Amino acid sequence: MASVPQSQDDPAAYVGLAAAEAERRARERGWQTVRSLPPGAIITLEYRADRLNFEVRDGRVTRAWTG
């Protein structure tokens, strides 16, 4: 499955979803890598257009971004 062009899938649409549901939807929509992170996690600055990141608090996505 090819990665989703950023313009076709708005990361903001994942905010508020349960983490498992958000990850399932992202994979169905073609994201090659989906990463769930706790608030304030230290991450690398390596940008990957095929990666969708979720910040998860209490089992819900509070922020989502590409890279």
PDB file of N, CA and C in Angstrom:
ATOM      1  N   MET A   1       0.834  -1.162   0.000  1.00  0.00           N
ATOM      2  CA  MET A   1       0.000   0.000   0.000  1.00  0.00           C
ATOM      3  C   MET A   1       0.888   1.237   0.000  1.00  0.00           C
ATOM      4  N   ALA A   2       0.586   2.204  -0.839  1.00  0.00           N
ATOM      5  CA  ALA A   2       1.376   3.420  -0.927  1.00  0.00           C
ATOM      6  C   ALA A   2       1.025   4.368   0.210  1.00  0.00           C
ATOM      7  N   SER A   3       1.968   5.228   0.537  1.00  0.00           N
ATOM      8  CA  SER A   3       1.693   6.182   1.609  1.00  0.00           C
ATOM      9  C   SER A   3       0.675   7.218   1.145  1.00  0.00           C
ATOM     10  N   VAL A   4      -0.025   7.801   2.093  1.00  0.00           N
ATOM     11  CA  VAL A   4      -1.061   8.779   1.810  1.00  0.00           C
ATOM     12  C   VAL A   4      -0.422  10.149   1.645  1.00  0.00           C
ATOM     13  N   PRO A   5      -0.703  10.828   0.540  1.00  0.00           N
ATOM     14  CA  PRO A   5      -0.207  12.203   0.442  1.00  0.00           C
ATOM     15  C   PRO A   5      -0.803  13.028   1.572  1.00  0.00           C
ATOM     16  N   GLN A   6       0.002  13.870   2.167  1.00  0.00           N
ATOM     17  CA  GLN A   6      -0.443  14.628   3.330  1.00  0.00           C
ATOM     18  C   GLN A   6      -1.721  15.413   3.059  1.00  0.00           C
ATOM     19  N   SER A   7      -1.891  15.932   1.868  1.00  0.00           N
ATOM     20  CA  SER A   7      -3.045  16.765   1.569  1.00  0.00           C
ATOM     21  C   SER A   7      -4.351  15.982   1.556  1.00  0.00           C
ATOM     22  N   GLN A   8      -4.297  14.657   1.478  1.00  0.00           N
ATOM     23  CA  GLN A   8      -5.506  13.850   1.390  1.00  0.00           C
ATOM     24  C   GLN A   8      -5.989  13.307   2.730  1.00  0.00           C
ATOM     25  N   ASP A   9      -5.228  13.436   3.761  1.00  0.00           N
ATOM     26  CA  ASP A   9      -5.625  12.920   5.065  1.00  0.00           C
ATOM     27  C   ASP A   9      -5.200  13.924   6.126  1.00  0.00           C
ATOM     28  N   ASP A  10      -6.162  14.604   6.709  1.00  0.00           N
ATOM     29  CA  ASP A  10      -5.892  15.654   7.683  1.00  0.00           C
ATOM     30  C   ASP A  10      -5.605  15.052   9.049  1.00  0.00           C
ATOM     31  N   PRO A  11      -4.389  15.226   9.575  1.00  0.00           N
ATOM     32  CA  PRO A  11      -4.074  14.674  10.887  1.00  0.00           C
ATOM     33  C   PRO A  11      -5.034  15.142  11.987  1.00  0.00           C
ATOM     34  N   ALA A  12      -5.570  16.336  11.873  1.00  0.00           N
ATOM     35  CA  ALA A  12      -6.491  16.850  12.890  1.00  0.00           C
ATOM     36  C   ALA A  12      -7.741  15.989  13.021  1.00  0.00           C
ATOM     37  N   ALA A  13      -8.078  15.233  11.991  1.00  0.00           N
ATOM     38  CA  ALA A  13      -9.263  14.378  12.032  1.00  0.00           C
ATOM     39  C   ALA A  13      -9.121  13.236  13.037  1.00  0.00           C
ATOM     40  N   TYR A  14      -7.901  12.948  13.474  1.00  0.00           N
ATOM     41  CA  TYR A  14      -7.664  11.863  14.421  1.00  0.00           C
ATOM     42  C   TYR A  14      -7.779  12.308  15.882  1.00  0.00           C
ATOM     43  N   VAL A  15      -7.702  13.600  16.120  1.00  0.00           N
ATOM     44  CA  VAL A  15      -7.748  14.121  17.488  1.00  0.00           C
ATOM     45  C   VAL A  15      -9.110  13.800  18.113  1.00  0.00           C
ATOM     46  N   GLY A  16      -9.044  13.240  19.322  1.00  0.00           N
ATOM     47  CA  GLY A  16     -10.250  12.870  20.049  1.00  0.00           C
ATOM     48  C   GLY A  16     -10.614  11.404  19.938  1.00  0.00           C
ATOM     49  N   LEU A  17     -10.030  10.713  18.958  1.00  0.00           N
ATOM     50  CA  LEU A  17     -10.312   9.288  18.801  1.00  0.00           C
ATOM     51  C   LEU A  17      -9.554   8.468  19.838  1.00  0.00           C
ATOM     52  N   ALA A  18     -10.085   7.304  20.161  1.00  0.00           N
ATOM     53  CA  ALA A  18      -9.340   6.356  20.986  1.00  0.00           C
ATOM     54  C   ALA A  18      -8.079   5.980  20.203  1.00  0.00           C
ATOM     55  N   ALA A  19      -6.983   5.787  20.894  1.00  0.00           N
ATOM     56  CA  ALA A  19      -5.706   5.524  20.238  1.00  0.00           C
ATOM     57  C   ALA A  19      -5.767   4.326  19.299  1.00  0.00           C
ATOM     58  N   ALA A  20      -6.386   3.233  19.731  1.00  0.00           N
ATOM     59  CA  ALA A  20      -6.459   2.028  18.886  1.00  0.00           C
ATOM     60  C   ALA A  20      -7.272   2.289  17.625  1.00  0.00           C
ATOM     61  N   GLU A  21      -8.366   3.024  17.742  1.00  0.00           N
ATOM     62  CA  GLU A  21      -9.197   3.354  16.583  1.00  0.00           C
ATOM     63  C   GLU A  21      -8.441   4.263  15.624  1.00  0.00           C
ATOM     64  N   ALA A  22      -7.733   5.250  16.157  1.00  0.00           N
ATOM     65  CA  ALA A  22      -6.956   6.160  15.320  1.00  0.00           C
ATOM     66  C   ALA A  22      -5.885   5.403  14.541  1.00  0.00           C
ATOM     67  N   GLU A  23      -5.201   4.486  15.218  1.00  0.00           N
ATOM     68  CA  GLU A  23      -4.162   3.710  14.540  1.00  0.00           C
ATOM     69  C   GLU A  23      -4.763   2.824  13.454  1.00  0.00           C
ATOM     70  N   ARG A  24      -5.879   2.198  13.754  1.00  0.00           N
ATOM     71  CA  ARG A  24      -6.542   1.348  12.750  1.00  0.00           C
ATOM     72  C   ARG A  24      -6.919   2.164  11.510  1.00  0.00           C
ATOM     73  N   ARG A  25      -7.539   3.318  11.720  1.00  0.00           N
ATOM     74  CA  ARG A  25      -7.947   4.172  10.593  1.00  0.00           C
ATOM     75  C   ARG A  25      -6.743   4.637   9.785  1.00  0.00           C
ATOM     76  N   ALA A  26      -5.692   5.033  10.490  1.00  0.00           N
ATOM     77  CA  ALA A  26      -4.500   5.522   9.788  1.00  0.00           C
ATOM     78  C   ALA A  26      -3.910   4.432   8.901  1.00  0.00           C
ATOM     79  N   ARG A  27      -3.832   3.220   9.408  1.00  0.00           N
ATOM     80  CA  ARG A  27      -3.286   2.113   8.606  1.00  0.00           C
ATOM     81  C   ARG A  27      -4.207   1.795   7.425  1.00  0.00           C
ATOM     82  N   GLU A  28      -5.511   1.844   7.627  1.00  0.00           N
ATOM     83  CA  GLU A  28      -6.456   1.623   6.529  1.00  0.00           C
ATOM     84  C   GLU A  28      -6.304   2.679   5.444  1.00  0.00           C
ATOM     85  N   ARG A  29      -5.933   3.871   5.844  1.00  0.00           N
ATOM     86  CA  ARG A  29      -5.787   4.980   4.895  1.00  0.00           C
ATOM     87  C   ARG A  29      -4.404   5.023   4.260  1.00  0.00           C
ATOM     88  N   GLY A  30      -3.548   4.046   4.593  1.00  0.00           N
ATOM     89  CA  GLY A  30      -2.286   3.898   3.893  1.00  0.00           C
ATOM     90  C   GLY A  30      -1.043   4.409   4.577  1.00  0.00           C
ATOM     91  N   TRP A  31      -1.152   4.901   5.801  1.00  0.00           N
ATOM     92  CA  TRP A  31       0.051   5.344   6.493  1.00  0.00           C
ATOM     93  C   TRP A  31       0.941   4.140   6.771  1.00  0.00           C
ATOM     94  N   GLN A  32       2.202   4.223   6.357  1.00  0.00           N
ATOM     95  CA  GLN A  32       3.134   3.114   6.511  1.00  0.00           C
ATOM     96  C   GLN A  32       3.590   2.952   7.960  1.00  0.00           C
ATOM     97  N   THR A  33       3.768   4.074   8.652  1.00  0.00           N
ATOM     98  CA  THR A  33       4.203   4.045  10.038  1.00  0.00           C
ATOM     99  C   THR A  33       3.260   4.910  10.856  1.00  0.00           C
ATOM    100  N   VAL A  34       2.774   4.365  11.946  1.00  0.00           N
ATOM    101  CA  VAL A  34       1.921   5.095  12.878  1.00  0.00           C
ATOM    102  C   VAL A  34       2.588   4.989  14.239  1.00  0.00           C
ATOM    103  N   ARG A  35       2.822   6.134  14.859  1.00  0.00           N
ATOM    104  CA  ARG A  35       3.566   6.154  16.111  1.00  0.00           C
ATOM    105  C   ARG A  35       2.741   6.858  17.179  1.00  0.00           C
ATOM    106  N   SER A  36       2.475   6.170  18.289  1.00  0.00           N
ATOM    107  CA  SER A  36       1.773   6.744  19.431  1.00  0.00           C
ATOM    108  C   SER A  36       2.782   7.096  20.505  1.00  0.00           C
ATOM    109  N   LEU A  37       2.686   8.321  20.985  1.00  0.00           N
ATOM    110  CA  LEU A  37       3.665   8.836  21.936  1.00  0.00           C
ATOM    111  C   LEU A  37       2.960   9.446  23.150  1.00  0.00           C
ATOM    112  N   PRO A  38       3.574   9.342  24.314  1.00  0.00           N
ATOM    113  CA  PRO A  38       3.014  10.026  25.481  1.00  0.00           C
ATOM    114  C   PRO A  38       3.299  11.528  25.368  1.00  0.00           C
ATOM    115  N   PRO A  39       2.533  12.362  26.062  1.00  0.00           N
ATOM    116  CA  PRO A  39       2.787  13.808  26.042  1.00  0.00           C
ATOM    117  C   PRO A  39       4.222  14.119  26.465  1.00  0.00           C
ATOM    118  N   GLY A  40       4.856  15.014  25.725  1.00  0.00           N
ATOM    119  CA  GLY A  40       6.205  15.443  26.067  1.00  0.00           C
ATOM    120  C   GLY A  40       7.314  14.475  25.708  1.00  0.00           C
ATOM    121  N   ALA A  41       6.997  13.425  24.954  1.00  0.00           N
ATOM    122  CA  ALA A  41       8.019  12.444  24.578  1.00  0.00           C
ATOM    123  C   ALA A  41       9.118  13.105  23.754  1.00  0.00           C
ATOM    124  N   ILE A  42      10.326  12.650  23.978  1.00  0.00           N
ATOM    125  CA  ILE A  42      11.460  13.129  23.195  1.00  0.00           C
ATOM    126  C   ILE A  42      11.567  12.232  21.967  1.00  0.00           C
ATOM    127  N   ILE A  43      11.538  12.855  20.789  1.00  0.00           N
ATOM    128  CA  ILE A  43      11.585  12.090  19.537  1.00  0.00           C
ATOM    129  C   ILE A  43      12.670  12.650  18.626  1.00  0.00           C
ATOM    130  N   THR A  44      13.062  11.844  17.654  1.00  0.00           N
ATOM    131  CA  THR A  44      14.049  12.293  16.677  1.00  0.00           C
ATOM    132  C   THR A  44      13.402  13.299  15.738  1.00  0.00           C
ATOM    133  N   LEU A  45      14.200  14.108  15.102  1.00  0.00           N
ATOM    134  CA  LEU A  45      13.694  15.092  14.156  1.00  0.00           C
ATOM    135  C   LEU A  45      13.712  14.574  12.723  1.00  0.00           C
ATOM    136  N   GLU A  46      13.999  13.298  12.565  1.00  0.00           N
ATOM    137  CA  GLU A  46      13.987  12.687  11.235  1.00  0.00           C
ATOM    138  C   GLU A  46      12.571  12.765  10.667  1.00  0.00           C
ATOM    139  N   TYR A  47      12.412  13.436   9.523  1.00  0.00           N
ATOM    140  CA  TYR A  47      11.095  13.586   8.911  1.00  0.00           C
ATOM    141  C   TYR A  47      10.830  12.436   7.946  1.00  0.00           C
ATOM    142  N   ARG A  48       9.686  11.802   8.107  1.00  0.00           N
ATOM    143  CA  ARG A  48       9.252  10.750   7.181  1.00  0.00           C
ATOM    144  C   ARG A  48       7.841  11.074   6.731  1.00  0.00           C
ATOM    145  N   ALA A  49       7.672  11.318   5.446  1.00  0.00           N
ATOM    146  CA  ALA A  49       6.368  11.702   4.899  1.00  0.00           C
ATOM    147  C   ALA A  49       5.326  10.605   5.060  1.00  0.00           C
ATOM    148  N   ASP A  50       5.767   9.360   5.248  1.00  0.00           N
ATOM    149  CA  ASP A  50       4.822   8.241   5.364  1.00  0.00           C
ATOM    150  C   ASP A  50       4.492   7.897   6.814  1.00  0.00           C
ATOM    151  N   ARG A  51       4.872   8.788   7.755  1.00  0.00           N
ATOM    152  CA  ARG A  51       4.642   8.498   9.173  1.00  0.00           C
ATOM    153  C   ARG A  51       3.614   9.475   9.742  1.00  0.00           C
ATOM    154  N   LEU A  52       2.684   8.933  10.525  1.00  0.00           N
ATOM    155  CA  LEU A  52       1.712   9.730  11.254  1.00  0.00           C
ATOM    156  C   LEU A  52       1.969   9.526  12.739  1.00  0.00           C
ATOM    157  N   ASN A  53       2.129  10.616  13.455  1.00  0.00           N
ATOM    158  CA  ASN A  53       2.424  10.588  14.884  1.00  0.00           C
ATOM    159  C   ASN A  53       1.185  10.986  15.676  1.00  0.00           C
ATOM    160  N   PHE A  54       0.955  10.303  16.764  1.00  0.00           N
ATOM    161  CA  PHE A  54      -0.124  10.642  17.680  1.00  0.00           C
ATOM    162  C   PHE A  54       0.449  10.908  19.051  1.00  0.00           C
ATOM    163  N   GLU A  55       0.011  11.983  19.677  1.00  0.00           N
ATOM    164  CA  GLU A  55       0.271  12.187  21.098  1.00  0.00           C
ATOM    165  C   GLU A  55      -0.963  11.664  21.804  1.00  0.00           C
ATOM    166  N   VAL A  56      -0.771  10.734  22.737  1.00  0.00           N
ATOM    167  CA  VAL A  56      -1.894  10.048  23.384  1.00  0.00           C
ATOM    168  C   VAL A  56      -1.863  10.306  24.886  1.00  0.00           C
ATOM    169  N   ARG A  57      -3.004  10.745  25.387  1.00  0.00           N
ATOM    170  CA  ARG A  57      -3.166  10.969  26.833  1.00  0.00           C
ATOM    171  C   ARG A  57      -4.455  10.269  27.255  1.00  0.00           C
ATOM    172  N   ASP A  58      -4.362   9.446  28.279  1.00  0.00           N
ATOM    173  CA  ASP A  58      -5.526   8.694  28.794  1.00  0.00           C
ATOM    174  C   ASP A  58      -6.246   7.917  27.698  1.00  0.00           C
ATOM    175  N   GLY A  59      -5.461   7.344  26.764  1.00  0.00           N
ATOM    176  CA  GLY A  59      -6.015   6.485  25.731  1.00  0.00           C
ATOM    177  C   GLY A  59      -6.641   7.202  24.555  1.00  0.00           C
ATOM    178  N   ARG A  60      -6.560   8.534  24.505  1.00  0.00           N
ATOM    179  CA  ARG A  60      -7.141   9.327  23.409  1.00  0.00           C
ATOM    180  C   ARG A  60      -6.070  10.154  22.726  1.00  0.00           C
ATOM    181  N   VAL A  61      -6.231  10.339  21.428  1.00  0.00           N
ATOM    182  CA  VAL A  61      -5.313  11.167  20.661  1.00  0.00           C
ATOM    183  C   VAL A  61      -5.594  12.637  20.992  1.00  0.00           C
ATOM    184  N   THR A  62      -4.564  13.342  21.461  1.00  0.00           N
ATOM    185  CA  THR A  62      -4.720  14.759  21.781  1.00  0.00           C
ATOM    186  C   THR A  62      -4.045  15.661  20.744  1.00  0.00           C
ATOM    187  N   ARG A  63      -3.189  15.055  19.914  1.00  0.00           N
ATOM    188  CA  ARG A  63      -2.484  15.788  18.876  1.00  0.00           C
ATOM    189  C   ARG A  63      -2.050  14.778  17.817  1.00  0.00           C
ATOM    190  N   ALA A  64      -2.053  15.209  16.551  1.00  0.00           N
ATOM    191  CA  ALA A  64      -1.595  14.329  15.469  1.00  0.00           C
ATOM    192  C   ALA A  64      -0.841  15.176  14.451  1.00  0.00           C
ATOM    193  N   TRP A  65       0.257  14.607  13.912  1.00  0.00           N
ATOM    194  CA  TRP A  65       1.047  15.329  12.920  1.00  0.00           C
ATOM    195  C   TRP A  65       1.814  14.337  12.069  1.00  0.00           C
ATOM    196  N   THR A  66       2.208  14.793  10.890  1.00  0.00           N
ATOM    197  CA  THR A  66       2.979  13.933   9.987  1.00  0.00           C
ATOM    198  C   THR A  66       4.459  14.084  10.285  1.00  0.00           C
ATOM    199  N   GLY A  67       5.203  13.132   9.809  1.00  0.00           N
ATOM    200  CA  GLY A  67       6.643  13.200   9.935  1.00  0.00           C
ATOM    201  C   GLY A  67       7.190  12.172  10.816  1.00  0.00           C
TER     202      GLY A  67
END
